[in-house]
Amino acid sequence: MTTDDTGYVEPAGQGWLFFAGTILGLAGIMRIFDGIWALRYNGAVPENLQNSILGHSLDTYGWVWIAVGVFLILVSFGIVARSQFARWIGYLGAIVLGVSATWWLPYYPVWSLIYIAIAVFVFYGLARYGGRATV
């Protein structure tokens, strides 16, 4: 814990928790944009996506991305509020963030690896500093 000039005591790891919550929220917003793009896309589905897990329709991908985005945004608010329940769900959110990034790995390898690294940092921040604050 650190104390500033006014006597305010900041719990250890507050910055990591703010980082984790903010990143999950931003990732959720990005996933919603991805979902809207997939719903509005009128082009042909790439050959290698036609037999994939989510089927041959980009509409399915769009709704999944939107659901993932809303989930990540809700979890981010809980983490910033230091909710213990949201912390545990935040682990799941970090895993969803990392795993969903691997789906785009063949198409955007660098961006996907950045998403995966960010998911690892979020998981670390929650695991190391997400416990109950002790004063």
Protein backbone atom coordinates (compact mmCIF):
# COMPACT_ATOMS: atom_id res chain seq x y z
CA MET A 1 0.00 0.00 0.00
CA THR A 2 1.13 3.49 -0.74
CA THR A 3 0.20 6.75 0.92
CA ASP A 4 0.17 10.13 -0.81
CA ASP A 5 0.53 13.62 0.72
CA THR A 6 -3.14 13.81 1.67
CA GLY A 7 -3.04 10.58 3.68
CA TYR A 8 -4.99 8.54 1.13
CA VAL A 9 -3.96 4.91 1.26
CA GLU A 10 -4.03 3.23 -2.13
CA PRO A 11 -4.39 -0.54 -2.00
CA ALA A 12 -1.54 -2.48 -3.55
CA GLY A 13 -2.14 -3.32 -7.17
CA GLN A 14 -4.88 -0.76 -7.74
CA GLY A 15 -3.22 0.17 -11.03
CA TRP A 16 -3.19 -3.45 -12.19
CA LEU A 17 -6.88 -3.82 -11.41
CA PHE A 18 -7.69 -0.60 -13.23
CA PHE A 19 -5.63 -1.87 -16.17
CA ALA A 20 -7.45 -5.23 -16.15
CA GLY A 21 -10.90 -3.64 -15.99
CA THR A 22 -10.13 -1.02 -18.61
CA ILE A 23 -8.58 -3.48 -21.04
CA LEU A 24 -11.48 -5.90 -20.71
CA GLY A 25 -13.88 -3.03 -21.37
CA LEU A 26 -11.94 -1.82 -24.41
CA ALA A 27 -11.68 -5.38 -25.72
CA GLY A 28 -15.44 -5.70 -25.29
CA ILE A 29 -16.00 -2.55 -27.32
CA MET A 30 -13.68 -3.88 -30.03
CA ARG A 31 -15.55 -7.19 -30.09
CA ILE A 32 -18.85 -5.35 -30.50
CA PHE A 33 -17.39 -3.45 -33.47
CA ASP A 34 -16.20 -6.78 -34.91
CA GLY A 35 -19.69 -8.18 -34.46
CA ILE A 36 -21.35 -5.21 -36.15
CA TRP A 37 -18.90 -5.52 -39.03
CA ALA A 38 -19.67 -9.24 -39.40
CA LEU A 39 -23.42 -8.58 -39.38
CA ARG A 40 -23.17 -5.86 -42.01
CA TYR A 41 -20.64 -7.65 -44.25
CA ASN A 42 -22.25 -8.70 -47.52
CA GLY A 43 -19.27 -10.38 -49.17
CA ALA A 44 -18.57 -14.06 -49.54
CA VAL A 45 -17.46 -16.08 -46.53
CA PRO A 46 -13.85 -17.25 -46.95
CA GLU A 47 -13.45 -20.90 -47.97
CA ASN A 48 -11.68 -21.90 -44.75
CA LEU A 49 -14.50 -20.49 -42.57
CA GLN A 50 -17.27 -22.46 -44.20
CA ASN A 51 -16.62 -25.63 -42.16
CA SER A 52 -15.57 -23.95 -38.94
CA ILE A 53 -17.00 -24.17 -35.44
CA LEU A 54 -19.51 -21.35 -35.88
CA GLY A 55 -20.73 -22.41 -39.32
CA HIS A 56 -20.68 -20.73 -42.68
CA SER A 57 -22.61 -17.56 -41.85
CA LEU A 58 -20.89 -14.41 -40.68
CA ASP A 59 -24.15 -13.49 -38.93
CA THR A 60 -23.40 -16.21 -36.38
CA TYR A 61 -19.93 -14.79 -35.85
CA GLY A 62 -21.43 -11.32 -35.48
CA TRP A 63 -23.85 -12.32 -32.74
CA VAL A 64 -21.15 -14.30 -30.90
CA TRP A 65 -18.78 -11.32 -31.01
CA ILE A 66 -21.49 -8.97 -29.75
CA ALA A 67 -22.33 -11.32 -26.87
CA VAL A 68 -18.64 -11.66 -25.99
CA GLY A 69 -18.26 -7.87 -26.13
CA VAL A 70 -21.19 -7.20 -23.80
CA PHE A 71 -19.90 -9.88 -21.42
CA LEU A 72 -16.41 -8.30 -21.34
CA ILE A 73 -17.83 -4.80 -20.73
CA LEU A 74 -19.99 -5.95 -17.82
CA VAL A 75 -17.06 -7.80 -16.25
CA SER A 76 -14.84 -4.74 -16.62
CA PHE A 77 -17.23 -2.59 -14.58
CA GLY A 78 -17.27 -5.19 -11.82
CA ILE A 79 -13.48 -5.42 -11.73
CA VAL A 80 -13.03 -1.67 -11.45
CA ALA A 81 -15.55 -1.74 -8.58
CA ARG A 82 -13.39 -4.48 -6.92
CA SER A 83 -16.19 -7.02 -6.89
CA GLN A 84 -14.85 -10.44 -5.93
CA PHE A 85 -17.47 -12.14 -8.07
CA ALA A 86 -16.43 -10.01 -11.06
CA ARG A 87 -12.79 -10.92 -10.38
CA TRP A 88 -13.57 -14.59 -10.78
CA ILE A 89 -15.64 -13.91 -13.85
CA GLY A 90 -12.77 -11.69 -15.03
CA TYR A 91 -10.55 -14.76 -15.20
CA LEU A 92 -13.09 -16.25 -17.56
CA GLY A 93 -13.19 -12.95 -19.45
CA ALA A 94 -9.40 -12.97 -19.89
CA ILE A 95 -9.57 -16.54 -21.14
CA VAL A 96 -12.39 -15.65 -23.55
CA LEU A 97 -10.35 -12.67 -24.75
CA GLY A 98 -7.30 -14.84 -25.41
CA VAL A 99 -9.14 -17.77 -26.97
CA SER A 100 -11.31 -15.58 -29.19
CA ALA A 101 -8.14 -13.87 -30.42
CA THR A 102 -6.79 -17.23 -31.58
CA TRP A 103 -9.75 -17.55 -33.97
CA TRP A 104 -8.41 -14.57 -35.91
CA LEU A 105 -4.77 -15.74 -35.74
CA PRO A 106 -4.64 -16.96 -39.38
CA TYR A 107 -5.97 -13.62 -40.63
CA TYR A 108 -4.37 -11.07 -38.27
CA PRO A 109 -1.39 -12.80 -36.62
CA VAL A 110 0.29 -9.79 -35.01
CA TRP A 111 -2.95 -8.25 -33.73
CA SER A 112 -4.07 -11.63 -32.37
CA LEU A 113 -0.78 -12.15 -30.54
CA ILE A 114 -1.11 -8.69 -29.00
CA TYR A 115 -4.63 -9.61 -27.81
CA ILE A 116 -3.30 -12.85 -26.32
CA ALA A 117 -0.47 -11.01 -24.52
CA ILE A 118 -2.96 -8.48 -23.14
CA ALA A 119 -5.17 -11.34 -21.93
CA VAL A 120 -2.17 -12.80 -20.08
CA PHE A 121 -1.47 -9.42 -18.41
CA VAL A 122 -5.13 -9.09 -17.41
CA PHE A 123 -5.08 -12.58 -15.92
CA TYR A 124 -1.87 -11.72 -14.02
CA GLY A 125 -3.32 -8.48 -12.66
CA LEU A 126 -6.43 -10.25 -11.42
CA ALA A 127 -4.52 -13.19 -9.96
CA ARG A 128 -1.84 -11.12 -8.22
CA TYR A 129 -3.85 -8.13 -7.00
CA GLY A 130 -7.50 -9.05 -7.31
CA GLY A 131 -7.96 -10.38 -3.80
CA ARG A 132 -9.77 -8.58 -1.03
CA ALA A 133 -8.22 -5.27 -0.06
CA THR A 134 -6.65 -5.30 3.38
CA VAL A 135 -6.19 -1.97 5.16
